[in-house]
Amino acid sequence: MSSSVEKVDQRIVRGEATRQLIFDAASEVLRAQGGAATTTRAVAERAGVRLSLVHYHFGGKGGLLAALLERENARLLERQRALFSGPEPLAQKWRTACAYLRDDLRSGYARILWELWAAGLADEELARRWRGSMAGWRDLLEGVAEGWAAERGLELPIPARALATLVANAFQGAEVEILAGVSEAEAPHLQALESCADLIEWFEQRS
């Protein structure tokens, strides 16, 4: 390999490392301080890089948040694809999904995603990417519902797309209220979601 090619490769590696450093810093600022405080300057200071590098890689706050949303939702969707493609019974997969939710709430990951969504209310590009990621989540759930029904020889009581929308809304609604400070004693969101695994098992046994 020529020295010129090596230099190009090294610049690419360094550039990608800087992007990941900025992504991680943006996530930390979002989780700790919220979307309004997540300025490019605050992110640069948290990452320990020059402000010009944030603008070089992302063009500004809007581009940074859009790219971060795309990265985080890609990770989230890949995790769900891996979960629901596994050999475990659907009820067990549902319980694992609920465990993921608990972990995401504890770690602050859920807040990062919702801070990005809130920022999208005033940023059409960010909102467009959010809609796309949610569509991917519903597509996955729709396929899971159809596959489960076909495997069990069941006729779903409502269309698979409607069922997928209800499931997605249930998880999202739980996240919003929990992040807003609604306790499990006031509204048992986590208990309700986890109990759905029992409903799945009950439905399978009856069928």
N, C-alpha and C. Protein backbone atom coordinates (compact mmCIF):
# COMPACT_ATOMS: atom_id res chain seq x y z
N MET A 1 0.85 -1.19 0.00
CA MET A 1 0.00 0.00 0.00
C MET A 1 0.89 1.24 0.00
N SER A 2 0.61 2.19 -0.88
CA SER A 2 1.42 3.40 -0.96
C SER A 2 1.19 4.28 0.25
N SER A 3 2.15 5.17 0.51
CA SER A 3 2.03 6.04 1.68
C SER A 3 0.86 6.99 1.53
N SER A 4 0.55 7.42 0.29
CA SER A 4 -0.58 8.34 0.08
C SER A 4 -1.90 7.67 0.43
N VAL A 5 -2.04 6.38 0.06
CA VAL A 5 -3.25 5.64 0.39
C VAL A 5 -3.36 5.44 1.89
N GLU A 6 -2.21 5.14 2.53
CA GLU A 6 -2.20 4.98 3.98
C GLU A 6 -2.65 6.24 4.69
N LYS A 7 -2.22 7.39 4.19
CA LYS A 7 -2.61 8.66 4.80
C LYS A 7 -4.10 8.89 4.66
N VAL A 8 -4.66 8.55 3.49
CA VAL A 8 -6.10 8.69 3.27
C VAL A 8 -6.86 7.79 4.23
N ASP A 9 -6.41 6.53 4.34
CA ASP A 9 -7.07 5.59 5.24
C ASP A 9 -7.04 6.08 6.68
N GLN A 10 -5.90 6.62 7.09
CA GLN A 10 -5.77 7.12 8.46
C GLN A 10 -6.69 8.30 8.71
N ARG A 11 -6.84 9.16 7.71
CA ARG A 11 -7.75 10.31 7.85
C ARG A 11 -9.19 9.84 7.99
N ILE A 12 -9.55 8.80 7.24
CA ILE A 12 -10.91 8.25 7.33
C ILE A 12 -11.16 7.68 8.71
N VAL A 13 -10.18 6.93 9.22
CA VAL A 13 -10.32 6.33 10.55
C VAL A 13 -10.44 7.42 11.60
N ARG A 14 -9.58 8.43 11.52
CA ARG A 14 -9.64 9.52 12.49
C ARG A 14 -10.95 10.28 12.40
N GLY A 15 -11.42 10.48 11.16
CA GLY A 15 -12.68 11.19 10.97
C GLY A 15 -13.85 10.43 11.56
N GLU A 16 -13.87 9.12 11.37
CA GLU A 16 -14.96 8.31 11.92
C GLU A 16 -14.88 8.28 13.43
N ALA A 17 -13.68 8.21 13.97
CA ALA A 17 -13.51 8.22 15.42
C ALA A 17 -14.02 9.54 16.01
N THR A 18 -13.75 10.64 15.31
CA THR A 18 -14.22 11.95 15.77
C THR A 18 -15.74 12.02 15.73
N ARG A 19 -16.34 11.49 14.66
CA ARG A 19 -17.81 11.48 14.57
C ARG A 19 -18.42 10.70 15.73
N GLN A 20 -17.85 9.55 16.04
CA GLN A 20 -18.39 8.75 17.14
C GLN A 20 -18.22 9.47 18.48
N LEU A 21 -17.11 10.17 18.64
CA LEU A 21 -16.87 10.94 19.85
C LEU A 21 -17.92 12.04 20.00
N ILE A 22 -18.22 12.70 18.89
CA ILE A 22 -19.23 13.76 18.90
C ILE A 22 -20.62 13.18 19.17
N PHE A 23 -20.94 12.05 18.53
CA PHE A 23 -22.21 11.38 18.78
C PHE A 23 -22.38 11.07 20.27
N ASP A 24 -21.35 10.48 20.86
CA ASP A 24 -21.44 10.10 22.27
C ASP A 24 -21.61 11.32 23.16
N ALA A 25 -20.91 12.39 22.84
CA ALA A 25 -21.03 13.62 23.62
C ALA A 25 -22.43 14.22 23.48
N ALA A 26 -22.98 14.21 22.27
CA ALA A 26 -24.33 14.73 22.06
C ALA A 26 -25.34 13.93 22.85
N SER A 27 -25.17 12.61 22.89
CA SER A 27 -26.07 11.76 23.67
C SER A 27 -25.99 12.11 25.15
N GLU A 28 -24.79 12.33 25.64
CA GLU A 28 -24.61 12.66 27.06
C GLU A 28 -25.27 14.00 27.40
N VAL A 29 -25.10 14.99 26.54
CA VAL A 29 -25.70 16.30 26.80
C VAL A 29 -27.22 16.22 26.73
N LEU A 30 -27.74 15.49 25.74
CA LEU A 30 -29.19 15.32 25.63
C LEU A 30 -29.76 14.66 26.88
N ARG A 31 -29.11 13.60 27.32
CA ARG A 31 -29.60 12.86 28.48
C ARG A 31 -29.53 13.70 29.75
N ALA A 32 -28.49 14.49 29.91
CA ALA A 32 -28.28 15.23 31.15
C ALA A 32 -29.00 16.58 31.17
N GLN A 33 -29.10 17.24 30.00
CA GLN A 33 -29.58 18.62 30.00
C GLN A 33 -30.77 18.89 29.08
N GLY A 34 -31.08 17.95 28.19
CA GLY A 34 -32.22 18.15 27.29
C GLY A 34 -31.84 18.78 25.97
N GLY A 35 -32.82 18.83 25.07
CA GLY A 35 -32.56 19.28 23.71
C GLY A 35 -32.17 20.74 23.60
N ALA A 36 -32.79 21.62 24.39
CA ALA A 36 -32.50 23.04 24.31
C ALA A 36 -31.05 23.35 24.63
N ALA A 37 -30.47 22.59 25.56
CA ALA A 37 -29.08 22.82 25.98
C ALA A 37 -28.07 22.12 25.09
N THR A 38 -28.55 21.32 24.15
CA THR A 38 -27.64 20.55 23.30
C THR A 38 -27.22 21.41 22.11
N THR A 39 -26.39 22.40 22.38
CA THR A 39 -25.83 23.23 21.34
C THR A 39 -24.56 22.59 20.79
N THR A 40 -24.14 23.02 19.63
CA THR A 40 -22.91 22.47 19.07
C THR A 40 -21.72 22.81 19.96
N ARG A 41 -21.75 23.98 20.59
CA ARG A 41 -20.65 24.35 21.49
C ARG A 41 -20.61 23.42 22.70
N ALA A 42 -21.79 23.16 23.29
CA ALA A 42 -21.84 22.27 24.46
C ALA A 42 -21.36 20.88 24.09
N VAL A 43 -21.73 20.42 22.91
CA VAL A 43 -21.31 19.08 22.47
C VAL A 43 -19.80 19.05 22.23
N ALA A 44 -19.27 20.10 21.60
CA ALA A 44 -17.83 20.16 21.34
C ALA A 44 -17.05 20.14 22.65
N GLU A 45 -17.53 20.91 23.64
CA GLU A 45 -16.84 20.94 24.93
C GLU A 45 -16.90 19.58 25.60
N ARG A 46 -18.06 18.92 25.54
CA ARG A 46 -18.18 17.59 26.16
C ARG A 46 -17.28 16.57 25.46
N ALA A 47 -17.19 16.69 24.14
CA ALA A 47 -16.37 15.74 23.36
C ALA A 47 -14.88 16.06 23.45
N GLY A 48 -14.56 17.29 23.83
CA GLY A 48 -13.16 17.69 23.87
C GLY A 48 -12.57 17.92 22.49
N VAL A 49 -13.41 18.42 21.56
CA VAL A 49 -12.94 18.70 20.20
C VAL A 49 -13.23 20.16 19.87
N ARG A 50 -12.63 20.64 18.80
CA ARG A 50 -12.89 22.01 18.36
C ARG A 50 -14.32 22.13 17.84
N LEU A 51 -14.93 23.27 18.06
CA LEU A 51 -16.29 23.51 17.58
C LEU A 51 -16.36 23.36 16.07
N SER A 52 -15.30 23.77 15.38
CA SER A 52 -15.29 23.69 13.92
C SER A 52 -15.43 22.25 13.44
N LEU A 53 -14.95 21.29 14.23
CA LEU A 53 -15.07 19.88 13.82
C LEU A 53 -16.51 19.41 13.85
N VAL A 54 -17.30 19.89 14.82
CA VAL A 54 -18.73 19.53 14.87
C VAL A 54 -19.41 20.04 13.61
N HIS A 55 -19.10 21.28 13.23
CA HIS A 55 -19.73 21.85 12.04
C HIS A 55 -19.19 21.21 10.76
N TYR A 56 -17.93 20.81 10.77
CA TYR A 56 -17.35 20.14 9.60
C TYR A 56 -18.06 18.82 9.33
N HIS A 57 -18.29 18.05 10.38
CA HIS A 57 -18.87 16.72 10.21
C HIS A 57 -20.39 16.75 10.05
N PHE A 58 -21.06 17.73 10.66
CA PHE A 58 -22.53 17.68 10.69
C PHE A 58 -23.22 18.95 10.20
N GLY A 59 -22.48 20.01 9.99
CA GLY A 59 -23.07 21.21 9.44
C GLY A 59 -23.76 22.12 10.44
N GLY A 60 -24.05 21.61 11.62
CA GLY A 60 -24.76 22.40 12.63
C GLY A 60 -25.56 21.49 13.53
N LYS A 61 -26.33 22.10 14.42
CA LYS A 61 -27.10 21.32 15.38
C LYS A 61 -28.14 20.44 14.71
N GLY A 62 -28.85 20.96 13.71
CA GLY A 62 -29.87 20.17 13.04
C GLY A 62 -29.30 18.92 12.40
N GLY A 63 -28.18 19.07 11.71
CA GLY A 63 -27.55 17.92 11.07
C GLY A 63 -27.03 16.92 12.07
N LEU A 64 -26.51 17.43 13.18
CA LEU A 64 -25.99 16.54 14.23
C LEU A 64 -27.11 15.72 14.84
N LEU A 65 -28.22 16.38 15.19
CA LEU A 65 -29.33 15.65 15.81
C LEU A 65 -29.96 14.66 14.84
N ALA A 66 -30.05 15.04 13.56
CA ALA A 66 -30.62 14.13 12.57
C ALA A 66 -29.76 12.89 12.42
N ALA A 67 -28.44 13.09 12.36
CA ALA A 67 -27.53 11.94 12.23
C ALA A 67 -27.55 11.08 13.48
N LEU A 68 -27.66 11.72 14.65
CA LEU A 68 -27.72 10.97 15.90
C LEU A 68 -29.00 10.15 15.97
N LEU A 69 -30.11 10.75 15.56
CA LEU A 69 -31.38 10.02 15.56
C LEU A 69 -31.29 8.80 14.65
N GLU A 70 -30.69 8.97 13.49
CA GLU A 70 -30.56 7.86 12.55
C GLU A 70 -29.71 6.75 13.15
N ARG A 71 -28.62 7.13 13.81
CA ARG A 71 -27.75 6.12 14.42
C ARG A 71 -28.46 5.37 15.54
N GLU A 72 -29.12 6.11 16.42
CA GLU A 72 -29.75 5.47 17.57
C GLU A 72 -30.92 4.59 17.16
N ASN A 73 -31.70 5.04 16.20
CA ASN A 73 -32.83 4.23 15.76
C ASN A 73 -32.38 3.00 14.99
N ALA A 74 -31.27 3.12 14.26
CA ALA A 74 -30.73 1.94 13.57
C ALA A 74 -30.30 0.89 14.60
N ARG A 75 -29.68 1.34 15.68
CA ARG A 75 -29.28 0.42 16.75
C ARG A 75 -30.51 -0.23 17.38
N LEU A 76 -31.52 0.59 17.64
CA LEU A 76 -32.73 0.10 18.28
C LEU A 76 -33.43 -0.94 17.41
N LEU A 77 -33.56 -0.63 16.12
CA LEU A 77 -34.25 -1.53 15.21
C LEU A 77 -33.48 -2.84 15.04
N GLU A 78 -32.17 -2.75 14.99
CA GLU A 78 -31.36 -3.96 14.85
C GLU A 78 -31.51 -4.85 16.08
N ARG A 79 -31.56 -4.23 17.25
CA ARG A 79 -31.77 -5.01 18.48
C ARG A 79 -33.11 -5.73 18.45
N GLN A 80 -34.15 -5.05 17.98
CA GLN A 80 -35.48 -5.67 17.92
C GLN A 80 -35.54 -6.76 16.85
N ARG A 81 -34.89 -6.53 15.73
CA ARG A 81 -34.85 -7.56 14.68
C ARG A 81 -34.18 -8.82 15.22
N ALA A 82 -33.07 -8.65 15.92
CA ALA A 82 -32.36 -9.80 16.48
C ALA A 82 -33.22 -10.52 17.49
N LEU A 83 -33.95 -9.76 18.31
CA LEU A 83 -34.81 -10.36 19.32
C LEU A 83 -35.91 -11.19 18.68
N PHE A 84 -36.66 -10.61 17.76
CA PHE A 84 -37.84 -11.28 17.23
C PHE A 84 -37.52 -12.32 16.16
N SER A 85 -36.28 -12.39 15.71
CA SER A 85 -35.89 -13.46 14.78
C SER A 85 -35.36 -14.68 15.52
N GLY A 86 -35.27 -14.61 16.84
CA GLY A 86 -34.76 -15.72 17.62
C GLY A 86 -35.75 -16.86 17.74
N PRO A 87 -35.31 -17.99 18.31
CA PRO A 87 -36.15 -19.19 18.37
C PRO A 87 -37.11 -19.23 19.55
N GLU A 88 -37.02 -18.27 20.47
CA GLU A 88 -37.84 -18.31 21.68
C GLU A 88 -39.32 -18.10 21.35
N PRO A 89 -40.21 -18.58 22.22
CA PRO A 89 -41.64 -18.32 22.04
C PRO A 89 -41.92 -16.82 22.08
N LEU A 90 -42.99 -16.40 21.43
CA LEU A 90 -43.31 -14.98 21.34
C LEU A 90 -43.47 -14.35 22.72
N ALA A 91 -44.08 -15.07 23.65
CA ALA A 91 -44.27 -14.52 24.99
C ALA A 91 -42.94 -14.19 25.65
N GLN A 92 -41.94 -15.06 25.45
CA GLN A 92 -40.63 -14.80 26.03
C GLN A 92 -39.96 -13.60 25.35
N LYS A 93 -40.13 -13.50 24.06
CA LYS A 93 -39.58 -12.34 23.34
C LYS A 93 -40.22 -11.05 23.85
N TRP A 94 -41.52 -11.09 24.11
CA TRP A 94 -42.21 -9.92 24.63
C TRP A 94 -41.63 -9.53 25.99
N ARG A 95 -41.40 -10.52 26.84
CA ARG A 95 -40.83 -10.22 28.17
C ARG A 95 -39.43 -9.61 28.03
N THR A 96 -38.67 -10.10 27.06
CA THR A 96 -37.34 -9.53 26.84
C THR A 96 -37.45 -8.09 26.36
N ALA A 97 -38.42 -7.82 25.49
CA ALA A 97 -38.64 -6.45 25.02
C ALA A 97 -38.99 -5.53 26.19
N CYS A 98 -39.75 -6.02 27.13
CA CYS A 98 -40.09 -5.23 28.33
C CYS A 98 -38.85 -5.00 29.19
N ALA A 99 -37.98 -6.00 29.27
CA ALA A 99 -36.73 -5.84 30.02
C ALA A 99 -35.84 -4.79 29.35
N TYR A 100 -35.83 -4.78 28.00
CA TYR A 100 -35.10 -3.74 27.29
C TYR A 100 -35.63 -2.36 27.65
N LEU A 101 -36.96 -2.25 27.73
CA LEU A 101 -37.56 -0.96 28.08
C LEU A 101 -37.10 -0.50 29.45
N ARG A 102 -37.10 -1.40 30.41
CA ARG A 102 -36.63 -1.03 31.75
C ARG A 102 -35.17 -0.56 31.70
N ASP A 103 -34.34 -1.28 30.96
CA ASP A 103 -32.94 -0.91 30.84
C ASP A 103 -32.78 0.46 30.19
N ASP A 104 -33.58 0.72 29.14
CA ASP A 104 -33.48 1.98 28.41
C ASP A 104 -33.92 3.16 29.27
N LEU A 105 -34.89 2.93 30.13
CA LEU A 105 -35.33 3.98 31.05
C LEU A 105 -34.26 4.25 32.11
N ARG A 106 -33.66 3.20 32.63
CA ARG A 106 -32.63 3.36 33.66
C ARG A 106 -31.38 4.06 33.10
N SER A 107 -30.99 3.68 31.90
CA SER A 107 -29.75 4.21 31.33
C SER A 107 -29.89 5.62 30.78
N GLY A 108 -31.14 6.06 30.57
CA GLY A 108 -31.35 7.37 29.97
C GLY A 108 -31.49 7.32 28.47
N TYR A 109 -31.37 6.11 27.88
CA TYR A 109 -31.47 5.97 26.42
C TYR A 109 -32.84 6.40 25.92
N ALA A 110 -33.89 6.04 26.67
CA ALA A 110 -35.24 6.43 26.23
C ALA A 110 -35.38 7.94 26.21
N ARG A 111 -34.77 8.61 27.18
CA ARG A 111 -34.87 10.07 27.19
C ARG A 111 -34.17 10.67 25.98
N ILE A 112 -33.02 10.12 25.61
CA ILE A 112 -32.32 10.62 24.43
C ILE A 112 -33.23 10.57 23.21
N LEU A 113 -33.90 9.44 23.00
CA LEU A 113 -34.78 9.29 21.84
C LEU A 113 -35.93 10.30 21.87
N TRP A 114 -36.51 10.50 23.06
CA TRP A 114 -37.64 11.43 23.14
C TRP A 114 -37.21 12.88 23.07
N GLU A 115 -36.01 13.19 23.51
CA GLU A 115 -35.49 14.54 23.32
C GLU A 115 -35.30 14.81 21.83
N LEU A 116 -34.85 13.81 21.10
CA LEU A 116 -34.70 13.95 19.64
C LEU A 116 -36.06 14.13 18.98
N TRP A 117 -37.05 13.38 19.45
CA TRP A 117 -38.40 13.54 18.90
C TRP A 117 -38.93 14.93 19.17
N ALA A 118 -38.75 15.43 20.39
CA ALA A 118 -39.23 16.76 20.75
C ALA A 118 -38.57 17.83 19.88
N ALA A 119 -37.28 17.68 19.61
CA ALA A 119 -36.58 18.62 18.74
C ALA A 119 -37.17 18.59 17.33
N GLY A 120 -37.66 17.42 16.92
CA GLY A 120 -38.24 17.27 15.59
C GLY A 120 -39.54 18.01 15.40
N LEU A 121 -40.17 18.43 16.50
CA LEU A 121 -41.41 19.20 16.37
C LEU A 121 -41.16 20.54 15.70
N ALA A 122 -39.92 21.03 15.78
CA ALA A 122 -39.58 22.31 15.17
C ALA A 122 -38.58 22.15 14.02
N ASP A 123 -38.33 20.92 13.62
CA ASP A 123 -37.33 20.65 12.58
C ASP A 123 -37.89 19.56 11.67
N GLU A 124 -38.31 19.95 10.48
CA GLU A 124 -38.99 19.01 9.59
C GLU A 124 -38.09 17.85 9.17
N GLU A 125 -36.80 18.13 8.95
CA GLU A 125 -35.89 17.05 8.55
C GLU A 125 -35.77 16.02 9.67
N LEU A 126 -35.66 16.50 10.89
CA LEU A 126 -35.58 15.59 12.02
C LEU A 126 -36.89 14.82 12.18
N ALA A 127 -38.00 15.51 12.00
CA ALA A 127 -39.31 14.85 12.09
C ALA A 127 -39.47 13.79 11.00
N ARG A 128 -38.97 14.08 9.81
CA ARG A 128 -39.06 13.11 8.71
C ARG A 128 -38.29 11.85 9.04
N ARG A 129 -37.12 12.02 9.61
CA ARG A 129 -36.32 10.85 9.97
C ARG A 129 -36.97 10.07 11.11
N TRP A 130 -37.58 10.78 12.05
CA TRP A 130 -38.28 10.11 13.13
C TRP A 130 -39.44 9.27 12.57
N ARG A 131 -40.21 9.85 11.65
CA ARG A 131 -41.33 9.10 11.06
C ARG A 131 -40.82 7.85 10.35
N GLY A 132 -39.70 7.99 9.67
CA GLY A 132 -39.15 6.84 8.98
C GLY A 132 -38.73 5.73 9.92
N SER A 133 -38.13 6.11 11.04
CA SER A 133 -37.70 5.10 12.00
C SER A 133 -38.89 4.41 12.65
N MET A 134 -39.94 5.17 12.94
CA MET A 134 -41.14 4.59 13.53
C MET A 134 -41.85 3.67 12.52
N ALA A 135 -41.80 4.03 11.25
CA ALA A 135 -42.39 3.17 10.23
C ALA A 135 -41.65 1.84 10.17
N GLY A 136 -40.32 1.88 10.32
CA GLY A 136 -39.55 0.64 10.34
C GLY A 136 -39.91 -0.24 11.52
N TRP A 137 -40.17 0.36 12.67
CA TRP A 137 -40.57 -0.37 13.88
C TRP A 137 -41.93 -1.02 13.67
N ARG A 138 -42.88 -0.27 13.07
CA ARG A 138 -44.20 -0.85 12.81
C ARG A 138 -44.13 -1.96 11.78
N ASP A 139 -43.31 -1.79 10.76
CA ASP A 139 -43.15 -2.85 9.75
C ASP A 139 -42.66 -4.14 10.41
N LEU A 140 -41.69 -4.00 11.31
CA LEU A 140 -41.16 -5.17 12.00
C LEU A 140 -42.24 -5.85 12.82
N LEU A 141 -43.00 -5.06 13.58
CA LEU A 141 -44.05 -5.63 14.43
C LEU A 141 -45.16 -6.27 13.58
N GLU A 142 -45.47 -5.66 12.46
CA GLU A 142 -46.48 -6.24 11.58
C GLU A 142 -46.04 -7.61 11.08
N GLY A 143 -44.77 -7.72 10.70
CA GLY A 143 -44.25 -9.01 10.25
C GLY A 143 -44.26 -10.05 11.36
N VAL A 144 -43.94 -9.61 12.59
CA VAL A 144 -43.97 -10.52 13.73
C VAL A 144 -45.38 -11.05 13.96
N ALA A 145 -46.37 -10.15 13.91
CA ALA A 145 -47.77 -10.55 14.13
C ALA A 145 -48.23 -11.52 13.05
N GLU A 146 -47.91 -11.23 11.81
CA GLU A 146 -48.32 -12.11 10.70
C GLU A 146 -47.64 -13.47 10.81
N GLY A 147 -46.34 -13.47 11.13
CA GLY A 147 -45.62 -14.73 11.25
C GLY A 147 -46.14 -15.58 12.40
N TRP A 148 -46.43 -14.94 13.52
CA TRP A 148 -46.95 -15.67 14.67
C TRP A 148 -48.32 -16.28 14.36
N ALA A 149 -49.18 -15.50 13.72
CA ALA A 149 -50.51 -16.00 13.38
C ALA A 149 -50.43 -17.17 12.40
N ALA A 150 -49.55 -17.05 11.42
CA ALA A 150 -49.41 -18.13 10.44
C ALA A 150 -48.85 -19.39 11.08
N GLU A 151 -47.87 -19.22 11.95
CA GLU A 151 -47.24 -20.37 12.62
C GLU A 151 -48.24 -21.10 13.50
N ARG A 152 -49.14 -20.35 14.15
CA ARG A 152 -50.10 -20.95 15.07
C ARG A 152 -51.42 -21.30 14.41
N GLY A 153 -51.57 -20.93 13.14
CA GLY A 153 -52.83 -21.18 12.46
C GLY A 153 -53.96 -20.35 13.03
N LEU A 154 -53.65 -19.12 13.42
CA LEU A 154 -54.63 -18.24 14.06
C LEU A 154 -55.14 -17.18 13.09
N GLU A 155 -56.33 -16.72 13.38
CA GLU A 155 -56.87 -15.57 12.65
C GLU A 155 -56.87 -14.38 13.61
N LEU A 156 -56.06 -13.38 13.29
CA LEU A 156 -55.97 -12.22 14.17
C LEU A 156 -57.30 -11.49 14.23
N PRO A 157 -57.69 -10.97 15.41
CA PRO A 157 -58.97 -10.28 15.55
C PRO A 157 -59.00 -8.92 14.86
N ILE A 158 -57.81 -8.33 14.61
CA ILE A 158 -57.71 -7.06 13.88
C ILE A 158 -56.56 -7.18 12.89
N PRO A 159 -56.50 -6.33 11.86
CA PRO A 159 -55.40 -6.41 10.90
C PRO A 159 -54.04 -6.31 11.59
N ALA A 160 -53.05 -7.00 11.03
CA ALA A 160 -51.71 -7.03 11.63
C ALA A 160 -51.12 -5.63 11.74
N ARG A 161 -51.40 -4.77 10.76
CA ARG A 161 -50.86 -3.40 10.80
C ARG A 161 -51.46 -2.62 11.96
N ALA A 162 -52.75 -2.80 12.19
CA ALA A 162 -53.40 -2.12 13.31
C ALA A 162 -52.86 -2.65 14.64
N LEU A 163 -52.65 -3.96 14.72
CA LEU A 163 -52.10 -4.55 15.93
C LEU A 163 -50.69 -4.03 16.20
N ALA A 164 -49.87 -3.93 15.14
CA ALA A 164 -48.52 -3.41 15.28
C ALA A 164 -48.54 -1.96 15.77
N THR A 165 -49.48 -1.18 15.28
CA THR A 165 -49.60 0.22 15.70
C THR A 165 -49.98 0.31 17.16
N LEU A 166 -50.89 -0.55 17.61
CA LEU A 166 -51.28 -0.56 19.02
C LEU A 166 -50.10 -0.91 19.91
N VAL A 167 -49.33 -1.90 19.52
CA VAL A 167 -48.17 -2.31 20.32
C VAL A 167 -47.15 -1.18 20.41
N ALA A 168 -46.83 -0.58 19.27
CA ALA A 168 -45.87 0.52 19.26
C ALA A 168 -46.36 1.68 20.12
N ASN A 169 -47.65 2.00 19.99
CA ASN A 169 -48.20 3.10 20.79
C ASN A 169 -48.18 2.79 22.28
N ALA A 170 -48.39 1.53 22.63
CA ALA A 170 -48.38 1.15 24.05
C ALA A 170 -47.00 1.38 24.65
N PHE A 171 -45.96 0.95 23.95
CA PHE A 171 -44.61 1.15 24.46
C PHE A 171 -44.24 2.63 24.50
N GLN A 172 -44.58 3.35 23.44
CA GLN A 172 -44.25 4.77 23.39
C GLN A 172 -45.01 5.56 24.46
N GLY A 173 -46.27 5.24 24.64
CA GLY A 173 -47.05 5.92 25.65
C GLY A 173 -46.52 5.68 27.05
N ALA A 174 -46.10 4.45 27.31
CA ALA A 174 -45.52 4.14 28.61
C ALA A 174 -44.25 4.94 28.83
N GLU A 175 -43.40 5.01 27.82
CA GLU A 175 -42.16 5.77 27.94
C GLU A 175 -42.43 7.23 28.25
N VAL A 176 -43.38 7.83 27.54
CA VAL A 176 -43.67 9.25 27.73
C VAL A 176 -44.12 9.54 29.15
N GLU A 177 -45.06 8.75 29.66
CA GLU A 177 -45.58 9.01 31.00
C GLU A 177 -44.53 8.74 32.07
N ILE A 178 -43.74 7.69 31.90
CA ILE A 178 -42.70 7.40 32.88
C ILE A 178 -41.65 8.51 32.88
N LEU A 179 -41.25 8.98 31.70
CA LEU A 179 -40.29 10.07 31.62
C LEU A 179 -40.85 11.36 32.20
N ALA A 180 -42.17 11.52 32.15
CA ALA A 180 -42.82 12.70 32.71
C ALA A 180 -42.98 12.61 34.22
N GLY A 181 -42.61 11.47 34.80
CA GLY A 181 -42.65 11.34 36.24
C GLY A 181 -43.83 10.60 36.80
N VAL A 182 -44.67 10.01 35.94
CA VAL A 182 -45.80 9.22 36.42
C VAL A 182 -45.25 7.91 37.00
N SER A 183 -45.55 7.67 38.25
CA SER A 183 -45.00 6.49 38.93
C SER A 183 -45.78 5.24 38.55
N GLU A 184 -45.15 4.09 38.82
CA GLU A 184 -45.79 2.81 38.56
C GLU A 184 -47.00 2.61 39.48
N ALA A 185 -46.96 3.25 40.67
CA ALA A 185 -48.10 3.17 41.58
C ALA A 185 -49.30 3.93 41.03
N GLU A 186 -49.04 5.06 40.38
CA GLU A 186 -50.13 5.85 39.80
C GLU A 186 -50.72 5.17 38.57
N ALA A 187 -49.85 4.64 37.73
CA ALA A 187 -50.29 3.98 36.50
C ALA A 187 -49.29 2.87 36.19
N PRO A 188 -49.66 1.61 36.38
CA PRO A 188 -48.70 0.50 36.25
C PRO A 188 -48.36 0.17 34.79
N HIS A 189 -47.65 1.07 34.14
CA HIS A 189 -47.33 0.87 32.72
C HIS A 189 -46.50 -0.39 32.50
N LEU A 190 -45.44 -0.55 33.27
CA LEU A 190 -44.55 -1.69 33.07
C LEU A 190 -45.27 -3.00 33.39
N GLN A 191 -46.05 -3.00 34.46
CA GLN A 191 -46.82 -4.21 34.79
C GLN A 191 -47.80 -4.54 33.67
N ALA A 192 -48.46 -3.53 33.13
CA ALA A 192 -49.43 -3.77 32.06
C ALA A 192 -48.75 -4.34 30.82
N LEU A 193 -47.61 -3.77 30.45
CA LEU A 193 -46.90 -4.27 29.27
C LEU A 193 -46.40 -5.69 29.49
N GLU A 194 -45.83 -5.96 30.65
CA GLU A 194 -45.30 -7.30 30.93
C GLU A 194 -46.42 -8.34 31.00
N SER A 195 -47.62 -7.93 31.44
CA SER A 195 -48.75 -8.85 31.52
C SER A 195 -49.22 -9.30 30.16
N CYS A 196 -48.88 -8.54 29.13
CA CYS A 196 -49.28 -8.93 27.77
C CYS A 196 -48.66 -10.26 27.37
N ALA A 197 -47.52 -10.60 27.95
CA ALA A 197 -46.91 -11.91 27.67
C ALA A 197 -47.82 -13.03 28.15
N ASP A 198 -48.48 -12.80 29.29
CA ASP A 198 -49.42 -13.79 29.80
C ASP A 198 -50.62 -13.91 28.86
N LEU A 199 -51.04 -12.79 28.30
CA LEU A 199 -52.17 -12.81 27.35
C LEU A 199 -51.80 -13.59 26.09
N ILE A 200 -50.57 -13.43 25.65
CA ILE A 200 -50.12 -14.17 24.46
C ILE A 200 -50.16 -15.67 24.75
N GLU A 201 -49.65 -16.06 25.90
CA GLU A 201 -49.66 -17.48 26.26
C GLU A 201 -51.10 -17.99 26.42
N TRP A 202 -51.97 -17.21 27.03
CA TRP A 202 -53.35 -17.60 27.19
C TRP A 202 -54.04 -17.79 25.84
N PHE A 203 -53.75 -16.87 24.91
CA PHE A 203 -54.37 -16.94 23.58
C PHE A 203 -53.87 -18.18 22.83
N GLU A 204 -52.58 -18.49 22.97
CA GLU A 204 -52.03 -19.67 22.31
C GLU A 204 -52.65 -20.96 22.86
N GLN A 205 -52.83 -21.00 24.16
CA GLN A 205 -53.41 -22.20 24.78
C GLN A 205 -54.86 -22.41 24.35
N ARG A 206 -55.62 -21.34 24.26
CA ARG A 206 -57.02 -21.44 23.84
C ARG A 206 -57.15 -21.87 22.39
N SER A 207 -56.19 -21.45 21.59
CA SER A 207 -56.26 -21.77 20.17
C SER A 207 -55.76 -23.18 19.89
